[in-house]
Amino acid sequence: MKFEITKKKVPRQDVMNFTRQLAVFMRAGIPIMEALEVIVEETQNKMLKAILSEMVDSLRRVTPSPPRPRPTLRPFPRFTWESSNRQN
């Protein structure tokens, strides 16, 4: 991991535009990788573009894991279902 100490920051307006664009893509059901790639292409700010490009490259290197089962939602407080599992 690289650490760089710098006073340069991505302007707040560019961060807001990025998050807005990403939210629109997510609501539209566009896969996150595709959304990020499009945003990288359209980004004018060089620093933000470099950060997002590195993020996309990092995500590409990650091997997807199999989906985990979703936890069961319990409509009652924990003490209710814990006490029902006990045997008297």
PDB file of N, CA and C in Angstrom:
ATOM      1  N   MET A   1       0.835  -1.166   0.000  1.00  0.00           N
ATOM      2  CA  MET A   1       0.000   0.000   0.000  1.00  0.00           C
ATOM      3  C   MET A   1       0.887   1.238   0.000  1.00  0.00           C
ATOM      4  N   LYS A   2       0.511   2.215  -0.793  1.00  0.00           N
ATOM      5  CA  LYS A   2       1.282   3.439  -0.883  1.00  0.00           C
ATOM      6  C   LYS A   2       0.644   4.526  -0.029  1.00  0.00           C
ATOM      7  N   PHE A   3       1.471   5.280   0.636  1.00  0.00           N
ATOM      8  CA  PHE A   3       0.997   6.422   1.394  1.00  0.00           C
ATOM      9  C   PHE A   3       1.704   7.654   0.871  1.00  0.00           C
ATOM     10  N   GLU A   4       0.938   8.688   0.637  1.00  0.00           N
ATOM     11  CA  GLU A   4       1.522   9.927   0.156  1.00  0.00           C
ATOM     12  C   GLU A   4       0.992  11.058   1.015  1.00  0.00           C
ATOM     13  N   ILE A   5       1.896  11.853   1.505  1.00  0.00           N
ATOM     14  CA  ILE A   5       1.483  12.999   2.305  1.00  0.00           C
ATOM     15  C   ILE A   5       1.478  14.200   1.373  1.00  0.00           C
ATOM     16  N   THR A   6       0.310  14.724   1.159  1.00  0.00           N
ATOM     17  CA  THR A   6       0.170  15.847   0.242  1.00  0.00           C
ATOM     18  C   THR A   6      -0.980  16.732   0.698  1.00  0.00           C
ATOM     19  N   LYS A   7      -0.915  17.979   0.328  1.00  0.00           N
ATOM     20  CA  LYS A   7      -1.997  18.902   0.657  1.00  0.00           C
ATOM     21  C   LYS A   7      -3.059  18.905  -0.426  1.00  0.00           C
ATOM     22  N   LYS A   8      -2.753  18.279  -1.569  1.00  0.00           N
ATOM     23  CA  LYS A   8      -3.710  18.251  -2.663  1.00  0.00           C
ATOM     24  C   LYS A   8      -4.880  17.346  -2.305  1.00  0.00           C
ATOM     25  N   LYS A   9      -6.054  17.834  -2.596  1.00  0.00           N
ATOM     26  CA  LYS A   9      -7.265  17.054  -2.377  1.00  0.00           C
ATOM     27  C   LYS A   9      -8.144  17.187  -3.605  1.00  0.00           C
ATOM     28  N   VAL A  10      -9.000  16.208  -3.788  1.00  0.00           N
ATOM     29  CA  VAL A  10      -9.982  16.284  -4.859  1.00  0.00           C
ATOM     30  C   VAL A  10     -11.011  17.335  -4.428  1.00  0.00           C
ATOM     31  N   PRO A  11     -11.313  18.290  -5.304  1.00  0.00           N
ATOM     32  CA  PRO A  11     -12.296  19.317  -4.938  1.00  0.00           C
ATOM     33  C   PRO A  11     -13.640  18.703  -4.536  1.00  0.00           C
ATOM     34  N   ARG A  12     -14.250  19.320  -3.560  1.00  0.00           N
ATOM     35  CA  ARG A  12     -15.537  18.837  -3.032  1.00  0.00           C
ATOM     36  C   ARG A  12     -16.580  18.687  -4.145  1.00  0.00           C
ATOM     37  N   GLN A  13     -16.609  19.615  -5.079  1.00  0.00           N
ATOM     38  CA  GLN A  13     -17.578  19.555  -6.173  1.00  0.00           C
ATOM     39  C   GLN A  13     -17.385  18.290  -7.006  1.00  0.00           C
ATOM     40  N   ASP A  14     -16.136  17.910  -7.255  1.00  0.00           N
ATOM     41  CA  ASP A  14     -15.864  16.688  -8.024  1.00  0.00           C
ATOM     42  C   ASP A  14     -16.282  15.436  -7.253  1.00  0.00           C
ATOM     43  N   VAL A  15     -16.072  15.440  -5.942  1.00  0.00           N
ATOM     44  CA  VAL A  15     -16.500  14.306  -5.116  1.00  0.00           C
ATOM     45  C   VAL A  15     -18.022  14.202  -5.134  1.00  0.00           C
ATOM     46  N   MET A  16     -18.696  15.350  -5.026  1.00  0.00           N
ATOM     47  CA  MET A  16     -20.166  15.340  -5.058  1.00  0.00           C
ATOM     48  C   MET A  16     -20.678  14.839  -6.403  1.00  0.00           C
ATOM     49  N   ASN A  17     -20.046  15.275  -7.493  1.00  0.00           N
ATOM     50  CA  ASN A  17     -20.465  14.801  -8.818  1.00  0.00           C
ATOM     51  C   ASN A  17     -20.255  13.295  -8.966  1.00  0.00           C
ATOM     52  N   PHE A  18     -19.111  12.808  -8.458  1.00  0.00           N
ATOM     53  CA  PHE A  18     -18.832  11.374  -8.517  1.00  0.00           C
ATOM     54  C   PHE A  18     -19.903  10.581  -7.770  1.00  0.00           C
ATOM     55  N   THR A  19     -20.193  10.976  -6.528  1.00  0.00           N
ATOM     56  CA  THR A  19     -21.170  10.216  -5.737  1.00  0.00           C
ATOM     57  C   THR A  19     -22.562  10.287  -6.354  1.00  0.00           C
ATOM     58  N   ARG A  20     -22.896  11.426  -6.926  1.00  0.00           N
ATOM     59  CA  ARG A  20     -24.202  11.567  -7.583  1.00  0.00           C
ATOM     60  C   ARG A  20     -24.281  10.643  -8.802  1.00  0.00           C
ATOM     61  N   GLN A  21     -23.213  10.647  -9.619  1.00  0.00           N
ATOM     62  CA  GLN A  21     -23.195   9.783 -10.802  1.00  0.00           C
ATOM     63  C   GLN A  21     -23.275   8.308 -10.410  1.00  0.00           C
ATOM     64  N   LEU A  22     -22.500   7.927  -9.408  1.00  0.00           N
ATOM     65  CA  LEU A  22     -22.502   6.531  -8.975  1.00  0.00           C
ATOM     66  C   LEU A  22     -23.885   6.128  -8.459  1.00  0.00           C
ATOM     67  N   ALA A  23     -24.528   7.011  -7.713  1.00  0.00           N
ATOM     68  CA  ALA A  23     -25.875   6.719  -7.194  1.00  0.00           C
ATOM     69  C   ALA A  23     -26.870   6.517  -8.332  1.00  0.00           C
ATOM     70  N   VAL A  24     -26.778   7.344  -9.361  1.00  0.00           N
ATOM     71  CA  VAL A  24     -27.687   7.214 -10.509  1.00  0.00           C
ATOM     72  C   VAL A  24     -27.473   5.863 -11.199  1.00  0.00           C
ATOM     73  N   PHE A  25     -26.211   5.481 -11.403  1.00  0.00           N
ATOM     74  CA  PHE A  25     -25.927   4.193 -12.025  1.00  0.00           C
ATOM     75  C   PHE A  25     -26.452   3.033 -11.171  1.00  0.00           C
ATOM     76  N   MET A  26     -26.255   3.128  -9.861  1.00  0.00           N
ATOM     77  CA  MET A  26     -26.700   2.045  -8.981  1.00  0.00           C
ATOM     78  C   MET A  26     -28.223   1.919  -9.003  1.00  0.00           C
ATOM     79  N   ARG A  27     -28.920   3.047  -8.944  1.00  0.00           N
ATOM     80  CA  ARG A  27     -30.388   3.015  -8.995  1.00  0.00           C
ATOM     81  C   ARG A  27     -30.894   2.449 -10.314  1.00  0.00           C
ATOM     82  N   ALA A  28     -30.121   2.659 -11.370  1.00  0.00           N
ATOM     83  CA  ALA A  28     -30.514   2.162 -12.691  1.00  0.00           C
ATOM     84  C   ALA A  28     -30.172   0.689 -12.869  1.00  0.00           C
ATOM     85  N   GLY A  29     -29.483   0.105 -11.891  1.00  0.00           N
ATOM     86  CA  GLY A  29     -29.151  -1.313 -11.967  1.00  0.00           C
ATOM     87  C   GLY A  29     -27.901  -1.615 -12.769  1.00  0.00           C
ATOM     88  N   ILE A  30     -27.098  -0.594 -13.045  1.00  0.00           N
ATOM     89  CA  ILE A  30     -25.844  -0.793 -13.784  1.00  0.00           C
ATOM     90  C   ILE A  30     -24.829  -1.439 -12.845  1.00  0.00           C
ATOM     91  N   PRO A  31     -24.129  -2.489 -13.278  1.00  0.00           N
ATOM     92  CA  PRO A  31     -23.105  -3.105 -12.429  1.00  0.00           C
ATOM     93  C   PRO A  31     -22.046  -2.075 -12.017  1.00  0.00           C
ATOM     94  N   ILE A  32     -21.559  -2.197 -10.802  1.00  0.00           N
ATOM     95  CA  ILE A  32     -20.655  -1.192 -10.249  1.00  0.00           C
ATOM     96  C   ILE A  32     -19.377  -1.042 -11.071  1.00  0.00           C
ATOM     97  N   MET A  33     -18.839  -2.143 -11.586  1.00  0.00           N
ATOM     98  CA  MET A  33     -17.614  -2.040 -12.384  1.00  0.00           C
ATOM     99  C   MET A  33     -17.866  -1.231 -13.657  1.00  0.00           C
ATOM    100  N   GLU A  34     -18.967  -1.498 -14.288  1.00  0.00           N
ATOM    101  CA  GLU A  34     -19.304  -0.767 -15.507  1.00  0.00           C
ATOM    102  C   GLU A  34     -19.526   0.719 -15.188  1.00  0.00           C
ATOM    103  N   ALA A  35     -20.201   0.982 -14.093  1.00  0.00           N
ATOM    104  CA  ALA A  35     -20.454   2.364 -13.681  1.00  0.00           C
ATOM    105  C   ALA A  35     -19.146   3.098 -13.412  1.00  0.00           C
ATOM    106  N   LEU A  36     -18.253   2.456 -12.666  1.00  0.00           N
ATOM    107  CA  LEU A  36     -16.975   3.094 -12.348  1.00  0.00           C
ATOM    108  C   LEU A  36     -16.150   3.340 -13.607  1.00  0.00           C
ATOM    109  N   GLU A  37     -16.151   2.395 -14.529  1.00  0.00           N
ATOM    110  CA  GLU A  37     -15.393   2.560 -15.769  1.00  0.00           C
ATOM    111  C   GLU A  37     -15.906   3.756 -16.576  1.00  0.00           C
ATOM    112  N   VAL A  38     -17.217   3.908 -16.653  1.00  0.00           N
ATOM    113  CA  VAL A  38     -17.798   5.037 -17.380  1.00  0.00           C
ATOM    114  C   VAL A  38     -17.444   6.349 -16.680  1.00  0.00           C
ATOM    115  N   ILE A  39     -17.543   6.365 -15.368  1.00  0.00           N
ATOM    116  CA  ILE A  39     -17.222   7.582 -14.612  1.00  0.00           C
ATOM    117  C   ILE A  39     -15.753   7.958 -14.798  1.00  0.00           C
ATOM    118  N   VAL A  40     -14.873   6.958 -14.783  1.00  0.00           N
ATOM    119  CA  VAL A  40     -13.440   7.232 -14.991  1.00  0.00           C
ATOM    120  C   VAL A  40     -13.234   7.893 -16.353  1.00  0.00           C
ATOM    121  N   GLU A  41     -13.883   7.366 -17.384  1.00  0.00           N
ATOM    122  CA  GLU A  41     -13.739   7.927 -18.731  1.00  0.00           C
ATOM    123  C   GLU A  41     -14.203   9.375 -18.799  1.00  0.00           C
ATOM    124  N   GLU A  42     -15.253   9.702 -18.054  1.00  0.00           N
ATOM    125  CA  GLU A  42     -15.847  11.040 -18.127  1.00  0.00           C
ATOM    126  C   GLU A  42     -15.224  12.041 -17.157  1.00  0.00           C
ATOM    127  N   THR A  43     -14.421  11.569 -16.221  1.00  0.00           N
ATOM    128  CA  THR A  43     -13.871  12.448 -15.193  1.00  0.00           C
ATOM    129  C   THR A  43     -12.790  13.356 -15.772  1.00  0.00           C
ATOM    130  N   GLN A  44     -12.896  14.640 -15.481  1.00  0.00           N
ATOM    131  CA  GLN A  44     -11.934  15.628 -15.966  1.00  0.00           C
ATOM    132  C   GLN A  44     -10.770  15.811 -14.992  1.00  0.00           C
ATOM    133  N   ASN A  45     -11.042  15.709 -13.677  1.00  0.00           N
ATOM    134  CA  ASN A  45     -10.022  15.943 -12.661  1.00  0.00           C
ATOM    135  C   ASN A  45      -9.004  14.802 -12.681  1.00  0.00           C
ATOM    136  N   LYS A  46      -7.742  15.149 -12.906  1.00  0.00           N
ATOM    137  CA  LYS A  46      -6.694  14.127 -13.055  1.00  0.00           C
ATOM    138  C   LYS A  46      -6.502  13.305 -11.782  1.00  0.00           C
ATOM    139  N   MET A  47      -6.565  13.954 -10.624  1.00  0.00           N
ATOM    140  CA  MET A  47      -6.354  13.228  -9.368  1.00  0.00           C
ATOM    141  C   MET A  47      -7.495  12.241  -9.118  1.00  0.00           C
ATOM    142  N   LEU A  48      -8.721  12.696  -9.305  1.00  0.00           N
ATOM    143  CA  LEU A  48      -9.877  11.813  -9.112  1.00  0.00           C
ATOM    144  C   LEU A  48      -9.840  10.677 -10.126  1.00  0.00           C
ATOM    145  N   LYS A  49      -9.468  10.999 -11.358  1.00  0.00           N
ATOM    146  CA  LYS A  49      -9.378   9.971 -12.395  1.00  0.00           C
ATOM    147  C   LYS A  49      -8.354   8.897 -12.012  1.00  0.00           C
ATOM    148  N   ALA A  50      -7.216   9.315 -11.470  1.00  0.00           N
ATOM    149  CA  ALA A  50      -6.177   8.356 -11.049  1.00  0.00           C
ATOM    150  C   ALA A  50      -6.667   7.498  -9.891  1.00  0.00           C
ATOM    151  N   ILE A  51      -7.346   8.121  -8.947  1.00  0.00           N
ATOM    152  CA  ILE A  51      -7.871   7.383  -7.786  1.00  0.00           C
ATOM    153  C   ILE A  51      -8.898   6.350  -8.235  1.00  0.00           C
ATOM    154  N   LEU A  52      -9.826   6.775  -9.081  1.00  0.00           N
ATOM    155  CA  LEU A  52     -10.871   5.861  -9.545  1.00  0.00           C
ATOM    156  C   LEU A  52     -10.297   4.754 -10.425  1.00  0.00           C
ATOM    157  N   SER A  53      -9.305   5.092 -11.251  1.00  0.00           N
ATOM    158  CA  SER A  53      -8.665   4.069 -12.087  1.00  0.00           C
ATOM    159  C   SER A  53      -7.990   3.015 -11.225  1.00  0.00           C
ATOM    160  N   GLU A  54      -7.317   3.461 -10.170  1.00  0.00           N
ATOM    161  CA  GLU A  54      -6.671   2.523  -9.253  1.00  0.00           C
ATOM    162  C   GLU A  54      -7.712   1.655  -8.546  1.00  0.00           C
ATOM    163  N   MET A  55      -8.846   2.259  -8.207  1.00  0.00           N
ATOM    164  CA  MET A  55      -9.926   1.510  -7.560  1.00  0.00           C
ATOM    165  C   MET A  55     -10.460   0.427  -8.500  1.00  0.00           C
ATOM    166  N   VAL A  56     -10.678   0.784  -9.754  1.00  0.00           N
ATOM    167  CA  VAL A  56     -11.189  -0.179 -10.731  1.00  0.00           C
ATOM    168  C   VAL A  56     -10.182  -1.312 -10.922  1.00  0.00           C
ATOM    169  N   ASP A  57      -8.912  -0.966 -11.069  1.00  0.00           N
ATOM    170  CA  ASP A  57      -7.876  -1.996 -11.234  1.00  0.00           C
ATOM    171  C   ASP A  57      -7.824  -2.929 -10.024  1.00  0.00           C
ATOM    172  N   SER A  58      -7.940  -2.358  -8.847  1.00  0.00           N
ATOM    173  CA  SER A  58      -7.917  -3.154  -7.614  1.00  0.00           C
ATOM    174  C   SER A  58      -9.117  -4.096  -7.562  1.00  0.00           C
ATOM    175  N   LEU A  59     -10.279  -3.604  -7.950  1.00  0.00           N
ATOM    176  CA  LEU A  59     -11.482  -4.445  -7.941  1.00  0.00           C
ATOM    177  C   LEU A  59     -11.385  -5.560  -8.975  1.00  0.00           C
ATOM    178  N   ARG A  60     -10.746  -5.289 -10.095  1.00  0.00           N
ATOM    179  CA  ARG A  60     -10.573  -6.333 -11.125  1.00  0.00           C
ATOM    180  C   ARG A  60      -9.698  -7.477 -10.631  1.00  0.00           C
ATOM    181  N   ARG A  61      -8.724  -7.149  -9.790  1.00  0.00           N
ATOM    182  CA  ARG A  61      -7.810  -8.186  -9.286  1.00  0.00           C
ATOM    183  C   ARG A  61      -8.449  -9.079  -8.230  1.00  0.00           C
ATOM    184  N   VAL A  62      -9.516  -8.635  -7.642  1.00  0.00           N
ATOM    185  CA  VAL A  62     -10.178  -9.407  -6.579  1.00  0.00           C
ATOM    186  C   VAL A  62     -10.979 -10.538  -7.210  1.00  0.00           C
ATOM    187  N   THR A  63     -10.753 -11.732  -6.723  1.00  0.00           N
ATOM    188  CA  THR A  63     -11.517 -12.880  -7.194  1.00  0.00           C
ATOM    189  C   THR A  63     -12.848 -12.887  -6.469  1.00  0.00           C
ATOM    190  N   PRO A  64     -13.938 -12.901  -7.222  1.00  0.00           N
ATOM    191  CA  PRO A  64     -15.236 -12.891  -6.543  1.00  0.00           C
ATOM    192  C   PRO A  64     -15.458 -14.171  -5.737  1.00  0.00           C
ATOM    193  N   SER A  65     -15.981 -14.006  -4.558  1.00  0.00           N
ATOM    194  CA  SER A  65     -16.292 -15.160  -3.726  1.00  0.00           C
ATOM    195  C   SER A  65     -17.726 -15.576  -3.979  1.00  0.00           C
ATOM    196  N   PRO A  66     -18.052 -16.824  -3.709  1.00  0.00           N
ATOM    197  CA  PRO A  66     -19.434 -17.269  -3.925  1.00  0.00           C
ATOM    198  C   PRO A  66     -20.376 -16.503  -3.002  1.00  0.00           C
ATOM    199  N   PRO A  67     -21.592 -16.283  -3.454  1.00  0.00           N
ATOM    200  CA  PRO A  67     -22.532 -15.532  -2.616  1.00  0.00           C
ATOM    201  C   PRO A  67     -22.817 -16.253  -1.299  1.00  0.00           C
ATOM    202  N   ARG A  68     -22.884 -15.471  -0.231  1.00  0.00           N
ATOM    203  CA  ARG A  68     -23.200 -16.045   1.081  1.00  0.00           C
ATOM    204  C   ARG A  68     -24.708 -16.031   1.283  1.00  0.00           C
ATOM    205  N   PRO A  69     -25.223 -16.995   2.007  1.00  0.00           N
ATOM    206  CA  PRO A  69     -26.667 -16.974   2.269  1.00  0.00           C
ATOM    207  C   PRO A  69     -27.032 -15.758   3.099  1.00  0.00           C
ATOM    208  N   ARG A  70     -28.178 -15.200   2.812  1.00  0.00           N
ATOM    209  CA  ARG A  70     -28.642 -14.032   3.559  1.00  0.00           C
ATOM    210  C   ARG A  70     -29.131 -14.473   4.924  1.00  0.00           C
ATOM    211  N   PRO A  71     -28.858 -13.679   5.943  1.00  0.00           N
ATOM    212  CA  PRO A  71     -29.336 -14.050   7.275  1.00  0.00           C
ATOM    213  C   PRO A  71     -30.856 -13.981   7.340  1.00  0.00           C
ATOM    214  N   THR A  72     -31.419 -14.838   8.126  1.00  0.00           N
ATOM    215  CA  THR A  72     -32.859 -14.842   8.305  1.00  0.00           C
ATOM    216  C   THR A  72     -33.260 -13.654   9.161  1.00  0.00           C
ATOM    217  N   LEU A  73     -34.263 -12.941   8.706  1.00  0.00           N
ATOM    218  CA  LEU A  73     -34.750 -11.815   9.501  1.00  0.00           C
ATOM    219  C   LEU A  73     -35.670 -12.354  10.584  1.00  0.00           C
ATOM    220  N   ARG A  74     -35.473 -11.931  11.765  1.00  0.00           N
ATOM    221  CA  ARG A  74     -36.301 -12.395  12.877  1.00  0.00           C
ATOM    222  C   ARG A  74     -37.217 -11.256  13.305  1.00  0.00           C
ATOM    223  N   PRO A  75     -38.534 -11.496  13.264  1.00  0.00           N
ATOM    224  CA  PRO A  75     -39.475 -10.425  13.573  1.00  0.00           C
ATOM    225  C   PRO A  75     -39.608 -10.128  15.068  1.00  0.00           C
ATOM    226  N   PHE A  76     -39.022 -10.963  15.915  1.00  0.00           N
ATOM    227  CA  PHE A  76     -39.160 -10.786  17.356  1.00  0.00           C
ATOM    228  C   PHE A  76     -37.806 -10.501  17.979  1.00  0.00           C
ATOM    229  N   PRO A  77     -37.800  -9.887  19.146  1.00  0.00           N
ATOM    230  CA  PRO A  77     -36.533  -9.624  19.832  1.00  0.00           C
ATOM    231  C   PRO A  77     -35.768 -10.917  20.107  1.00  0.00           C
ATOM    232  N   ARG A  78     -34.461 -10.801  20.248  1.00  0.00           N
ATOM    233  CA  ARG A  78     -33.587 -11.950  20.422  1.00  0.00           C
ATOM    234  C   ARG A  78     -34.000 -12.835  21.591  1.00  0.00           C
ATOM    235  N   PHE A  79     -34.367 -12.227  22.743  1.00  0.00           N
ATOM    236  CA  PHE A  79     -34.715 -13.048  23.901  1.00  0.00           C
ATOM    237  C   PHE A  79     -35.902 -13.956  23.614  1.00  0.00           C
ATOM    238  N   THR A  80     -36.789 -13.555  22.682  1.00  0.00           N
ATOM    239  CA  THR A  80     -37.964 -14.363  22.365  1.00  0.00           C
ATOM    240  C   THR A  80     -37.566 -15.648  21.662  1.00  0.00           C
ATOM    241  N   TRP A  81     -36.743 -15.552  20.633  1.00  0.00           N
ATOM    242  CA  TRP A  81     -36.389 -16.769  19.906  1.00  0.00           C
ATOM    243  C   TRP A  81     -35.337 -17.577  20.616  1.00  0.00           C
ATOM    244  N   GLU A  82     -34.518 -16.945  21.478  1.00  0.00           N
ATOM    245  CA  GLU A  82     -33.562 -17.722  22.269  1.00  0.00           C
ATOM    246  C   GLU A  82     -34.292 -18.579  23.292  1.00  0.00           C
ATOM    247  N   SER A  83     -35.304 -17.991  23.940  1.00  0.00           N
ATOM    248  CA  SER A  83     -36.021 -18.757  24.970  1.00  0.00           C
ATOM    249  C   SER A  83     -36.870 -19.864  24.352  1.00  0.00           C
ATOM    250  N   SER A  84     -37.315 -19.680  23.097  1.00  0.00           N
ATOM    251  CA  SER A  84     -38.109 -20.734  22.468  1.00  0.00           C
ATOM    252  C   SER A  84     -37.239 -21.923  22.054  1.00  0.00           C
ATOM    253  N   ASN A  85     -35.920 -21.728  21.936  1.00  0.00           N
ATOM    254  CA  ASN A  85     -35.014 -22.820  21.575  1.00  0.00           C
ATOM    255  C   ASN A  85     -34.583 -23.630  22.793  1.00  0.00           C
ATOM    256  N   ARG A  86     -34.797 -23.105  23.987  1.00  0.00           N
ATOM    257  CA  ARG A  86     -34.394 -23.824  25.205  1.00  0.00           C
ATOM    258  C   ARG A  86     -35.391 -24.938  25.507  1.00  0.00           C
ATOM    259  N   GLN A  87     -34.860 -25.998  26.046  1.00  0.00           N
ATOM    260  CA  GLN A  87     -35.735 -27.077  26.469  1.00  0.00           C
ATOM    261  C   GLN A  87     -35.842 -27.059  27.974  1.00  0.00           C
ATOM    262  N   ASN A  88     -37.045 -27.187  28.481  1.00  0.00           N
ATOM    263  CA  ASN A  88     -37.266 -27.149  29.929  1.00  0.00           C
ATOM    264  C   ASN A  88     -37.118 -28.518  30.541  1.00  0.00           C
TER     265      ASN A  88
END
